[in-house]
Amino acid sequence: MRAKRLATLLLGAWLGAGLFMSWVAASNFDSVDSVIKSSAGRMQFEVKEIGSERLRMILRHHSGEQNRHYFSQWEWIQLLLGAILAVLLLFETNANRVIMAMSLLMLAITAIQHFTITPQIIEIGRSIDFSSSEDMVPERQVFWNYHRAYSVLEVLKLGAGFVLSLRLLYGTSRTSKRRRRKKVDSVDDADHSHVDG
């Protein structure tokens, strides 16, 4: 029972941190324009010196580098979380098919993101950071295709995590109650005629 609680806690942390990371990534880029628009005093002078478009590129590159670092590290943490979760659930749920399928699906999606999609996003992202929106159009298209694929996989992973959490909260308690009922029924139905003889 303790293993199940720990698994549920790890899963909740994984899902919550995943949603938080998505918010961080979006906020990093949104902050660029707000910094430029709300610049005052010395910052306003620097914006005029550098030029708002040039400064936007620099700040967006910085935000991109932060996101690239955050997501790369977060994916390693997810791989570790996923492995621990799968081992806990394997023993705690007697290798329940749905539960194991959902946990392994989450782990597989993370591995695909980390080893195939993220390296491409990092490489292409860095190459287009200092180009205008009219430049490197094919590279930008490829970048957004990878970005969309990553987002679709992230939604699938969250969906699998949601199904897994429901199954952990409601599914396993029902099956354990059924097992207990069967054990009680088998004792009630047992033939005790030899006791009277």
N, C-alpha and C. Protein backbone atom coordinates (compact mmCIF):
# COMPACT_ATOMS: atom_id res chain seq x y z
N MET A 1 0.83 -1.21 0.00
CA MET A 1 0.00 0.00 0.00
C MET A 1 0.86 1.27 0.00
N ARG A 2 2.00 1.22 0.73
CA ARG A 2 2.88 2.38 0.76
C ARG A 2 3.46 2.65 -0.63
N ALA A 3 3.77 1.58 -1.36
CA ALA A 3 4.33 1.72 -2.70
C ALA A 3 3.32 2.40 -3.63
N LYS A 4 2.04 2.04 -3.46
CA LYS A 4 0.99 2.65 -4.28
C LYS A 4 0.88 4.14 -3.98
N ARG A 5 0.95 4.50 -2.70
CA ARG A 5 0.89 5.91 -2.32
C ARG A 5 2.07 6.68 -2.89
N LEU A 6 3.25 6.08 -2.81
CA LEU A 6 4.45 6.72 -3.35
C LEU A 6 4.34 6.88 -4.86
N ALA A 7 3.80 5.86 -5.53
CA ALA A 7 3.61 5.92 -6.99
C ALA A 7 2.63 7.03 -7.35
N THR A 8 1.55 7.15 -6.59
CA THR A 8 0.55 8.20 -6.83
C THR A 8 1.16 9.58 -6.61
N LEU A 9 1.99 9.71 -5.57
CA LEU A 9 2.67 10.97 -5.29
C LEU A 9 3.63 11.34 -6.42
N LEU A 10 4.42 10.37 -6.88
CA LEU A 10 5.36 10.61 -7.99
C LEU A 10 4.62 11.01 -9.27
N LEU A 11 3.51 10.32 -9.53
CA LEU A 11 2.73 10.63 -10.73
C LEU A 11 2.15 12.03 -10.66
N GLY A 12 1.61 12.40 -9.49
CA GLY A 12 1.06 13.75 -9.32
C GLY A 12 2.13 14.82 -9.49
N ALA A 13 3.33 14.56 -8.94
CA ALA A 13 4.44 15.50 -9.10
C ALA A 13 4.85 15.62 -10.55
N TRP A 14 4.88 14.49 -11.26
CA TRP A 14 5.25 14.46 -12.68
C TRP A 14 4.27 15.29 -13.50
N LEU A 15 2.98 15.05 -13.31
CA LEU A 15 1.96 15.77 -14.09
C LEU A 15 1.95 17.26 -13.75
N GLY A 16 2.03 17.57 -12.46
CA GLY A 16 2.02 18.97 -12.04
C GLY A 16 3.23 19.74 -12.55
N ALA A 17 4.41 19.12 -12.44
CA ALA A 17 5.63 19.77 -12.92
C ALA A 17 5.63 19.92 -14.44
N GLY A 18 5.01 18.95 -15.14
CA GLY A 18 4.91 19.04 -16.61
C GLY A 18 4.08 20.24 -17.04
N LEU A 19 2.96 20.45 -16.36
CA LEU A 19 2.11 21.61 -16.66
C LEU A 19 2.83 22.91 -16.31
N PHE A 20 3.55 22.89 -15.19
CA PHE A 20 4.31 24.08 -14.77
C PHE A 20 5.40 24.42 -15.80
N MET A 21 6.09 23.41 -16.32
CA MET A 21 7.14 23.64 -17.31
C MET A 21 6.58 24.24 -18.59
N SER A 22 5.40 23.80 -18.99
CA SER A 22 4.75 24.38 -20.18
C SER A 22 4.47 25.86 -19.97
N TRP A 23 4.00 26.19 -18.76
CA TRP A 23 3.73 27.59 -18.43
C TRP A 23 5.02 28.41 -18.42
N VAL A 24 6.10 27.85 -17.86
CA VAL A 24 7.40 28.54 -17.81
C VAL A 24 7.90 28.85 -19.21
N ALA A 25 7.82 27.87 -20.11
CA ALA A 25 8.30 28.05 -21.48
C ALA A 25 7.56 29.19 -22.18
N ALA A 26 6.23 29.21 -22.03
CA ALA A 26 5.45 30.28 -22.66
C ALA A 26 5.75 31.63 -22.01
N SER A 27 5.88 31.66 -20.69
CA SER A 27 6.13 32.91 -19.97
C SER A 27 7.49 33.52 -20.33
N ASN A 28 8.49 32.66 -20.53
CA ASN A 28 9.82 33.16 -20.88
C ASN A 28 9.78 34.01 -22.15
N PHE A 29 9.07 33.52 -23.16
CA PHE A 29 9.00 34.27 -24.42
C PHE A 29 8.08 35.48 -24.32
N ASP A 30 7.00 35.35 -23.55
CA ASP A 30 6.07 36.48 -23.38
C ASP A 30 6.74 37.65 -22.66
N SER A 31 7.69 37.32 -21.78
CA SER A 31 8.35 38.38 -21.00
C SER A 31 9.24 39.28 -21.85
N VAL A 32 9.68 38.78 -23.01
CA VAL A 32 10.58 39.56 -23.87
C VAL A 32 9.94 40.87 -24.29
N ASP A 33 8.75 40.79 -24.87
CA ASP A 33 8.06 42.01 -25.34
C ASP A 33 7.69 42.93 -24.19
N SER A 34 7.29 42.34 -23.05
CA SER A 34 6.92 43.19 -21.92
C SER A 34 8.12 43.94 -21.37
N VAL A 35 9.32 43.32 -21.40
CA VAL A 35 10.54 44.00 -20.95
C VAL A 35 10.86 45.18 -21.86
N ILE A 36 10.75 44.97 -23.16
CA ILE A 36 11.06 46.04 -24.13
C ILE A 36 10.05 47.17 -24.03
N LYS A 37 8.77 46.82 -23.92
CA LYS A 37 7.72 47.85 -23.87
C LYS A 37 7.75 48.66 -22.58
N SER A 38 8.06 48.00 -21.47
CA SER A 38 8.02 48.69 -20.19
C SER A 38 9.37 49.26 -19.77
N SER A 39 10.31 49.30 -20.69
CA SER A 39 11.66 49.80 -20.35
C SER A 39 11.61 51.28 -19.98
N ALA A 40 12.33 51.61 -18.92
CA ALA A 40 12.38 53.00 -18.46
C ALA A 40 13.79 53.32 -17.99
N GLY A 41 14.10 54.61 -17.91
CA GLY A 41 15.41 55.04 -17.41
C GLY A 41 16.55 54.55 -18.28
N ARG A 42 17.54 53.94 -17.64
CA ARG A 42 18.73 53.46 -18.34
C ARG A 42 18.38 52.40 -19.39
N MET A 43 17.40 51.56 -19.06
CA MET A 43 16.99 50.50 -19.99
C MET A 43 16.43 51.10 -21.28
N GLN A 44 15.68 52.17 -21.15
CA GLN A 44 15.12 52.83 -22.33
C GLN A 44 16.23 53.35 -23.24
N PHE A 45 17.28 53.90 -22.63
CA PHE A 45 18.43 54.38 -23.39
C PHE A 45 19.10 53.22 -24.12
N GLU A 46 19.26 52.09 -23.43
CA GLU A 46 19.91 50.92 -24.04
C GLU A 46 19.07 50.38 -25.20
N VAL A 47 17.76 50.38 -25.04
CA VAL A 47 16.87 49.91 -26.12
C VAL A 47 17.06 50.77 -27.35
N LYS A 48 17.15 52.11 -27.15
CA LYS A 48 17.35 53.00 -28.29
C LYS A 48 18.72 52.78 -28.93
N GLU A 49 19.74 52.54 -28.10
CA GLU A 49 21.10 52.32 -28.60
C GLU A 49 21.19 51.04 -29.44
N ILE A 50 20.65 49.97 -28.89
CA ILE A 50 20.74 48.67 -29.56
C ILE A 50 19.71 48.55 -30.68
N GLY A 51 18.56 49.14 -30.47
CA GLY A 51 17.44 48.97 -31.40
C GLY A 51 16.51 47.89 -30.87
N SER A 52 15.23 48.17 -30.89
CA SER A 52 14.26 47.26 -30.26
C SER A 52 14.24 45.88 -30.93
N GLU A 53 14.39 45.84 -32.27
CA GLU A 53 14.36 44.55 -32.97
C GLU A 53 15.58 43.70 -32.64
N ARG A 54 16.75 44.37 -32.60
CA ARG A 54 17.99 43.66 -32.26
C ARG A 54 17.94 43.15 -30.81
N LEU A 55 17.44 43.99 -29.93
CA LEU A 55 17.33 43.60 -28.53
C LEU A 55 16.33 42.46 -28.37
N ARG A 56 15.24 42.51 -29.14
CA ARG A 56 14.25 41.43 -29.09
C ARG A 56 14.90 40.10 -29.47
N MET A 57 15.74 40.11 -30.50
CA MET A 57 16.43 38.88 -30.92
C MET A 57 17.33 38.35 -29.81
N ILE A 58 18.07 39.25 -29.18
CA ILE A 58 18.99 38.85 -28.10
C ILE A 58 18.21 38.26 -26.93
N LEU A 59 17.14 38.96 -26.54
CA LEU A 59 16.34 38.49 -25.40
C LEU A 59 15.62 37.18 -25.71
N ARG A 60 15.15 37.05 -26.96
CA ARG A 60 14.48 35.80 -27.35
C ARG A 60 15.48 34.65 -27.38
N HIS A 61 16.70 34.95 -27.81
CA HIS A 61 17.74 33.91 -27.80
C HIS A 61 18.00 33.47 -26.35
N HIS A 62 18.08 34.44 -25.45
CA HIS A 62 18.30 34.12 -24.04
C HIS A 62 17.16 33.28 -23.47
N SER A 63 15.92 33.66 -23.79
CA SER A 63 14.75 32.89 -23.34
C SER A 63 14.77 31.49 -23.93
N GLY A 64 15.15 31.40 -25.21
CA GLY A 64 15.24 30.11 -25.88
C GLY A 64 16.28 29.21 -25.22
N GLU A 65 17.43 29.79 -24.88
CA GLU A 65 18.49 29.02 -24.22
C GLU A 65 18.03 28.52 -22.85
N GLN A 66 17.32 29.39 -22.13
CA GLN A 66 16.77 28.95 -20.84
C GLN A 66 15.82 27.78 -21.01
N ASN A 67 14.89 27.91 -21.96
CA ASN A 67 13.92 26.84 -22.21
C ASN A 67 14.60 25.56 -22.65
N ARG A 68 15.60 25.69 -23.51
CA ARG A 68 16.32 24.50 -23.99
C ARG A 68 16.98 23.76 -22.82
N HIS A 69 17.58 24.53 -21.93
CA HIS A 69 18.24 23.94 -20.77
C HIS A 69 17.21 23.31 -19.82
N TYR A 70 16.13 24.06 -19.53
CA TYR A 70 15.11 23.56 -18.62
C TYR A 70 14.50 22.24 -19.11
N PHE A 71 14.13 22.23 -20.40
CA PHE A 71 13.45 21.05 -20.93
C PHE A 71 14.38 19.85 -21.04
N SER A 72 15.62 20.09 -21.40
CA SER A 72 16.58 18.99 -21.47
C SER A 72 16.78 18.34 -20.10
N GLN A 73 16.93 19.18 -19.07
CA GLN A 73 17.10 18.66 -17.71
C GLN A 73 15.81 18.02 -17.21
N TRP A 74 14.68 18.62 -17.50
CA TRP A 74 13.38 18.09 -17.05
C TRP A 74 13.10 16.72 -17.68
N GLU A 75 13.52 16.54 -18.93
CA GLU A 75 13.30 15.24 -19.57
C GLU A 75 14.12 14.13 -18.90
N TRP A 76 15.37 14.46 -18.48
CA TRP A 76 16.17 13.48 -17.73
C TRP A 76 15.48 13.11 -16.42
N ILE A 77 14.93 14.11 -15.75
CA ILE A 77 14.21 13.86 -14.49
C ILE A 77 12.98 12.99 -14.75
N GLN A 78 12.27 13.27 -15.85
CA GLN A 78 11.09 12.48 -16.20
C GLN A 78 11.45 11.02 -16.48
N LEU A 79 12.58 10.82 -17.16
CA LEU A 79 13.02 9.44 -17.44
C LEU A 79 13.29 8.69 -16.14
N LEU A 80 13.90 9.36 -15.19
CA LEU A 80 14.15 8.75 -13.88
C LEU A 80 12.83 8.49 -13.15
N LEU A 81 11.95 9.50 -13.12
CA LEU A 81 10.64 9.34 -12.49
C LEU A 81 9.86 8.18 -13.11
N GLY A 82 9.87 8.14 -14.44
CA GLY A 82 9.14 7.10 -15.17
C GLY A 82 9.64 5.70 -14.86
N ALA A 83 10.97 5.56 -14.76
CA ALA A 83 11.55 4.25 -14.44
C ALA A 83 11.18 3.81 -13.03
N ILE A 84 11.28 4.73 -12.07
CA ILE A 84 10.93 4.42 -10.68
C ILE A 84 9.44 4.07 -10.59
N LEU A 85 8.61 4.86 -11.26
CA LEU A 85 7.16 4.64 -11.24
C LEU A 85 6.81 3.27 -11.81
N ALA A 86 7.43 2.91 -12.94
CA ALA A 86 7.15 1.62 -13.58
C ALA A 86 7.52 0.46 -12.66
N VAL A 87 8.66 0.55 -11.99
CA VAL A 87 9.09 -0.52 -11.07
C VAL A 87 8.13 -0.63 -9.89
N LEU A 88 7.76 0.52 -9.30
CA LEU A 88 6.81 0.51 -8.18
C LEU A 88 5.49 -0.12 -8.57
N LEU A 89 4.97 0.28 -9.74
CA LEU A 89 3.67 -0.21 -10.18
C LEU A 89 3.72 -1.68 -10.58
N LEU A 90 4.86 -2.13 -11.08
CA LEU A 90 5.01 -3.53 -11.46
C LEU A 90 4.77 -4.45 -10.27
N PHE A 91 5.34 -4.09 -9.13
CA PHE A 91 5.21 -4.92 -7.94
C PHE A 91 3.92 -4.65 -7.16
N GLU A 92 3.51 -3.39 -7.15
CA GLU A 92 2.35 -3.03 -6.35
C GLU A 92 1.03 -3.49 -6.96
N THR A 93 0.94 -3.49 -8.29
CA THR A 93 -0.34 -3.81 -8.95
C THR A 93 -0.32 -5.19 -9.60
N ASN A 94 0.68 -6.01 -9.28
CA ASN A 94 0.81 -7.33 -9.90
C ASN A 94 0.79 -7.25 -11.42
N ALA A 95 1.52 -6.27 -11.95
CA ALA A 95 1.66 -6.06 -13.40
C ALA A 95 0.31 -5.90 -14.09
N ASN A 96 -0.59 -5.11 -13.48
CA ASN A 96 -1.89 -4.80 -14.10
C ASN A 96 -1.65 -4.23 -15.49
N ARG A 97 -2.32 -4.80 -16.49
CA ARG A 97 -2.02 -4.45 -17.89
C ARG A 97 -2.24 -2.98 -18.22
N VAL A 98 -3.39 -2.44 -17.81
CA VAL A 98 -3.70 -1.04 -18.13
C VAL A 98 -2.73 -0.10 -17.43
N ILE A 99 -2.48 -0.36 -16.15
CA ILE A 99 -1.58 0.50 -15.38
C ILE A 99 -0.17 0.45 -15.94
N MET A 100 0.32 -0.74 -16.25
CA MET A 100 1.67 -0.87 -16.79
C MET A 100 1.76 -0.24 -18.18
N ALA A 101 0.71 -0.42 -18.98
CA ALA A 101 0.71 0.16 -20.34
C ALA A 101 0.78 1.68 -20.28
N MET A 102 0.01 2.29 -19.38
CA MET A 102 0.01 3.75 -19.27
C MET A 102 1.35 4.28 -18.76
N SER A 103 1.91 3.61 -17.75
CA SER A 103 3.19 4.09 -17.20
C SER A 103 4.31 3.92 -18.22
N LEU A 104 4.33 2.79 -18.94
CA LEU A 104 5.37 2.58 -19.96
C LEU A 104 5.18 3.50 -21.16
N LEU A 105 3.92 3.83 -21.47
CA LEU A 105 3.65 4.78 -22.55
C LEU A 105 4.22 6.15 -22.21
N MET A 106 4.01 6.59 -20.97
CA MET A 106 4.56 7.88 -20.53
C MET A 106 6.09 7.89 -20.62
N LEU A 107 6.69 6.79 -20.21
CA LEU A 107 8.15 6.67 -20.25
C LEU A 107 8.65 6.66 -21.69
N ALA A 108 7.96 5.94 -22.57
CA ALA A 108 8.35 5.86 -23.99
C ALA A 108 8.22 7.22 -24.68
N ILE A 109 7.14 7.94 -24.39
CA ILE A 109 6.95 9.26 -24.98
C ILE A 109 8.07 10.20 -24.55
N THR A 110 8.43 10.17 -23.27
CA THR A 110 9.52 11.01 -22.77
C THR A 110 10.83 10.68 -23.47
N ALA A 111 11.08 9.39 -23.67
CA ALA A 111 12.32 8.97 -24.35
C ALA A 111 12.34 9.46 -25.79
N ILE A 112 11.21 9.38 -26.48
CA ILE A 112 11.12 9.87 -27.87
C ILE A 112 11.37 11.38 -27.90
N GLN A 113 10.73 12.10 -26.98
CA GLN A 113 10.93 13.55 -26.92
C GLN A 113 12.40 13.89 -26.69
N HIS A 114 13.00 13.23 -25.70
CA HIS A 114 14.36 13.60 -25.29
C HIS A 114 15.42 13.22 -26.32
N PHE A 115 15.30 12.04 -26.90
CA PHE A 115 16.37 11.54 -27.76
C PHE A 115 16.18 11.83 -29.25
N THR A 116 14.96 12.16 -29.67
CA THR A 116 14.75 12.43 -31.10
C THR A 116 14.28 13.85 -31.41
N ILE A 117 13.30 14.36 -30.63
CA ILE A 117 12.70 15.66 -30.97
C ILE A 117 13.46 16.83 -30.36
N THR A 118 13.75 16.77 -29.08
CA THR A 118 14.43 17.88 -28.40
C THR A 118 15.77 18.25 -29.04
N PRO A 119 16.63 17.28 -29.40
CA PRO A 119 17.90 17.68 -30.06
C PRO A 119 17.69 18.47 -31.35
N GLN A 120 16.65 18.11 -32.11
CA GLN A 120 16.34 18.84 -33.35
C GLN A 120 15.83 20.25 -33.05
N ILE A 121 14.96 20.34 -32.05
CA ILE A 121 14.43 21.66 -31.66
C ILE A 121 15.57 22.57 -31.20
N ILE A 122 16.50 22.02 -30.43
CA ILE A 122 17.64 22.81 -29.94
C ILE A 122 18.52 23.27 -31.10
N GLU A 123 18.88 22.33 -31.97
CA GLU A 123 19.78 22.67 -33.08
C GLU A 123 19.17 23.69 -34.04
N ILE A 124 17.95 23.43 -34.48
CA ILE A 124 17.31 24.35 -35.44
C ILE A 124 16.96 25.66 -34.75
N GLY A 125 16.52 25.59 -33.49
CA GLY A 125 16.17 26.81 -32.75
C GLY A 125 17.34 27.77 -32.66
N ARG A 126 18.52 27.24 -32.36
CA ARG A 126 19.71 28.09 -32.26
C ARG A 126 20.08 28.69 -33.62
N SER A 127 19.86 27.95 -34.68
CA SER A 127 20.23 28.45 -36.01
C SER A 127 19.31 29.58 -36.50
N ILE A 128 18.07 29.62 -35.98
CA ILE A 128 17.14 30.66 -36.45
C ILE A 128 16.96 31.79 -35.44
N ASP A 129 17.61 31.69 -34.27
CA ASP A 129 17.42 32.70 -33.22
C ASP A 129 17.71 34.12 -33.69
N PHE A 130 18.75 34.29 -34.49
CA PHE A 130 19.16 35.65 -34.89
C PHE A 130 18.77 35.99 -36.32
N SER A 131 17.79 35.29 -36.85
CA SER A 131 17.29 35.61 -38.19
C SER A 131 15.91 36.24 -38.08
N SER A 132 15.58 37.08 -39.05
CA SER A 132 14.25 37.71 -39.03
C SER A 132 13.20 36.70 -39.47
N SER A 133 11.95 37.04 -39.26
CA SER A 133 10.87 36.11 -39.58
C SER A 133 10.78 35.79 -41.08
N GLU A 134 11.35 36.67 -41.93
CA GLU A 134 11.33 36.44 -43.37
C GLU A 134 12.48 35.53 -43.82
N ASP A 135 13.52 35.40 -42.98
CA ASP A 135 14.69 34.58 -43.33
C ASP A 135 14.50 33.14 -42.86
N MET A 136 15.23 32.24 -43.51
CA MET A 136 15.28 30.82 -43.12
C MET A 136 13.88 30.22 -42.96
N VAL A 137 13.03 30.49 -43.94
CA VAL A 137 11.64 30.03 -43.86
C VAL A 137 11.54 28.50 -43.81
N PRO A 138 12.27 27.74 -44.64
CA PRO A 138 12.17 26.27 -44.55
C PRO A 138 12.59 25.74 -43.17
N GLU A 139 13.66 26.34 -42.61
CA GLU A 139 14.12 25.90 -41.29
C GLU A 139 13.08 26.20 -40.22
N ARG A 140 12.43 27.36 -40.35
CA ARG A 140 11.38 27.71 -39.39
C ARG A 140 10.21 26.72 -39.47
N GLN A 141 9.88 26.33 -40.71
CA GLN A 141 8.78 25.37 -40.90
C GLN A 141 9.11 24.04 -40.23
N VAL A 142 10.35 23.57 -40.43
CA VAL A 142 10.79 22.31 -39.81
C VAL A 142 10.78 22.44 -38.28
N PHE A 143 11.25 23.59 -37.80
CA PHE A 143 11.28 23.83 -36.35
C PHE A 143 9.87 23.73 -35.77
N TRP A 144 8.89 24.39 -36.41
CA TRP A 144 7.53 24.36 -35.88
C TRP A 144 6.88 23.00 -36.03
N ASN A 145 7.28 22.23 -37.05
CA ASN A 145 6.79 20.85 -37.17
C ASN A 145 7.26 20.00 -35.99
N TYR A 146 8.54 20.15 -35.65
CA TYR A 146 9.06 19.43 -34.47
C TYR A 146 8.37 19.91 -33.19
N HIS A 147 8.16 21.21 -33.13
CA HIS A 147 7.51 21.79 -31.95
C HIS A 147 6.09 21.25 -31.79
N ARG A 148 5.36 21.16 -32.91
CA ARG A 148 3.99 20.61 -32.87
C ARG A 148 4.00 19.14 -32.46
N ALA A 149 4.95 18.38 -33.01
CA ALA A 149 5.06 16.95 -32.67
C ALA A 149 5.33 16.79 -31.18
N TYR A 150 6.21 17.64 -30.64
CA TYR A 150 6.52 17.60 -29.21
C TYR A 150 5.27 17.90 -28.39
N SER A 151 4.50 18.91 -28.81
CA SER A 151 3.29 19.31 -28.09
C SER A 151 2.24 18.21 -28.11
N VAL A 152 2.07 17.55 -29.27
CA VAL A 152 1.11 16.45 -29.39
C VAL A 152 1.50 15.31 -28.45
N LEU A 153 2.79 14.98 -28.44
CA LEU A 153 3.27 13.92 -27.54
C LEU A 153 3.08 14.31 -26.07
N GLU A 154 3.26 15.59 -25.77
CA GLU A 154 3.08 16.06 -24.39
C GLU A 154 1.63 15.90 -23.95
N VAL A 155 0.69 16.22 -24.85
CA VAL A 155 -0.73 16.05 -24.55
C VAL A 155 -1.06 14.57 -24.35
N LEU A 156 -0.50 13.70 -25.22
CA LEU A 156 -0.70 12.26 -25.07
C LEU A 156 -0.17 11.75 -23.74
N LYS A 157 1.00 12.27 -23.35
CA LYS A 157 1.62 11.87 -22.09
C LYS A 157 0.76 12.30 -20.91
N LEU A 158 0.25 13.53 -20.95
CA LEU A 158 -0.64 14.00 -19.88
C LEU A 158 -1.92 13.19 -19.83
N GLY A 159 -2.44 12.83 -21.01
CA GLY A 159 -3.65 12.00 -21.08
C GLY A 159 -3.41 10.62 -20.46
N ALA A 160 -2.26 10.02 -20.80
CA ALA A 160 -1.91 8.72 -20.22
C ALA A 160 -1.75 8.83 -18.71
N GLY A 161 -1.14 9.93 -18.27
CA GLY A 161 -0.96 10.16 -16.84
C GLY A 161 -2.29 10.33 -16.12
N PHE A 162 -3.23 11.00 -16.77
CA PHE A 162 -4.57 11.20 -16.19
C PHE A 162 -5.29 9.86 -16.05
N VAL A 163 -5.23 9.04 -17.13
CA VAL A 163 -5.85 7.70 -17.09
C VAL A 163 -5.21 6.85 -15.99
N LEU A 164 -3.88 6.92 -15.91
CA LEU A 164 -3.15 6.17 -14.89
C LEU A 164 -3.53 6.61 -13.48
N SER A 165 -3.65 7.91 -13.28
CA SER A 165 -4.01 8.40 -11.94
C SER A 165 -5.43 7.96 -11.56
N LEU A 166 -6.37 7.99 -12.50
CA LEU A 166 -7.73 7.51 -12.23
C LEU A 166 -7.73 6.03 -11.89
N ARG A 167 -6.93 5.29 -12.65
CA ARG A 167 -6.84 3.85 -12.42
C ARG A 167 -6.23 3.55 -11.05
N LEU A 168 -5.22 4.32 -10.67
CA LEU A 168 -4.60 4.12 -9.36
C LEU A 168 -5.56 4.48 -8.23
N LEU A 169 -6.31 5.57 -8.42
CA LEU A 169 -7.21 6.04 -7.37
C LEU A 169 -8.45 5.17 -7.22
N TYR A 170 -9.00 4.70 -8.36
CA TYR A 170 -10.28 3.99 -8.30
C TYR A 170 -10.21 2.54 -8.75
N GLY A 171 -9.39 2.25 -9.74
CA GLY A 171 -9.37 0.90 -10.34
C GLY A 171 -8.81 -0.17 -9.44
N THR A 172 -7.65 0.08 -8.82
CA THR A 172 -7.01 -0.96 -8.02
C THR A 172 -7.76 -1.24 -6.73
N SER A 173 -8.44 -0.23 -6.17
CA SER A 173 -9.20 -0.47 -4.93
C SER A 173 -10.37 -1.41 -5.20
N ARG A 174 -11.00 -1.26 -6.39
CA ARG A 174 -12.11 -2.14 -6.74
C ARG A 174 -11.65 -3.58 -6.91
N THR A 175 -10.51 -3.74 -7.63
CA THR A 175 -10.02 -5.11 -7.86
C THR A 175 -9.58 -5.77 -6.57
N SER A 176 -8.98 -5.00 -5.65
CA SER A 176 -8.57 -5.60 -4.38
C SER A 176 -9.79 -5.97 -3.54
N LYS A 177 -10.87 -5.16 -3.62
CA LYS A 177 -12.11 -5.49 -2.91
C LYS A 177 -12.72 -6.78 -3.47
N ARG A 178 -12.67 -6.92 -4.83
CA ARG A 178 -13.19 -8.12 -5.47
C ARG A 178 -12.41 -9.36 -5.03
N ARG A 179 -11.08 -9.20 -4.95
CA ARG A 179 -10.24 -10.32 -4.52
C ARG A 179 -10.57 -10.74 -3.10
N ARG A 180 -10.76 -9.73 -2.21
CA ARG A 180 -11.10 -10.04 -0.82
C ARG A 180 -12.45 -10.75 -0.74
N ARG A 181 -13.42 -10.27 -1.56
CA ARG A 181 -14.75 -10.88 -1.57
C ARG A 181 -14.68 -12.34 -2.02
N LYS A 182 -13.84 -12.60 -3.05
CA LYS A 182 -13.70 -13.97 -3.56
C LYS A 182 -13.12 -14.88 -2.50
N LYS A 183 -12.13 -14.35 -1.73
CA LYS A 183 -11.53 -15.15 -0.67
C LYS A 183 -12.55 -15.49 0.40
N VAL A 184 -13.37 -14.52 0.78
CA VAL A 184 -14.42 -14.74 1.79
C VAL A 184 -15.43 -15.75 1.27
N ASP A 185 -15.86 -15.58 -0.01
CA ASP A 185 -16.82 -16.50 -0.60
C ASP A 185 -16.29 -17.92 -0.65
N SER A 186 -15.00 -18.05 -0.98
CA SER A 186 -14.41 -19.39 -1.07
C SER A 186 -14.37 -20.06 0.29
N VAL A 187 -14.19 -19.29 1.37
CA VAL A 187 -14.22 -19.85 2.72
C VAL A 187 -15.64 -20.26 3.09
N ASP A 188 -16.62 -19.40 2.73
CA ASP A 188 -18.02 -19.71 3.03
C ASP A 188 -18.51 -20.97 2.31
N ASP A 189 -18.03 -21.16 1.06
CA ASP A 189 -18.48 -22.29 0.25
C ASP A 189 -17.70 -23.58 0.54
N ALA A 190 -16.71 -23.50 1.37
CA ALA A 190 -15.85 -24.69 1.61
C ALA A 190 -16.67 -25.80 2.26
N ASP A 191 -16.31 -27.02 1.95
CA ASP A 191 -16.99 -28.20 2.51
C ASP A 191 -16.37 -28.55 3.86
N HIS A 192 -17.17 -28.39 4.93
CA HIS A 192 -16.67 -28.66 6.29
C HIS A 192 -17.36 -29.92 6.86
N SER A 193 -17.85 -30.82 6.00
CA SER A 193 -18.59 -32.00 6.48
C SER A 193 -17.71 -32.91 7.30
N HIS A 194 -16.39 -32.87 7.05
CA HIS A 194 -15.48 -33.76 7.79
C HIS A 194 -15.40 -33.39 9.27
N VAL A 195 -15.80 -32.15 9.60
CA VAL A 195 -15.74 -31.70 10.99
C VAL A 195 -16.79 -32.42 11.82
N ASP A 196 -18.01 -32.60 11.23
CA ASP A 196 -19.12 -33.26 11.95
C ASP A 196 -18.85 -34.74 12.14
N GLY A 197 -18.15 -35.35 11.19
CA GLY A 197 -17.91 -36.79 11.24
C GLY A 197 -16.91 -37.06 12.32
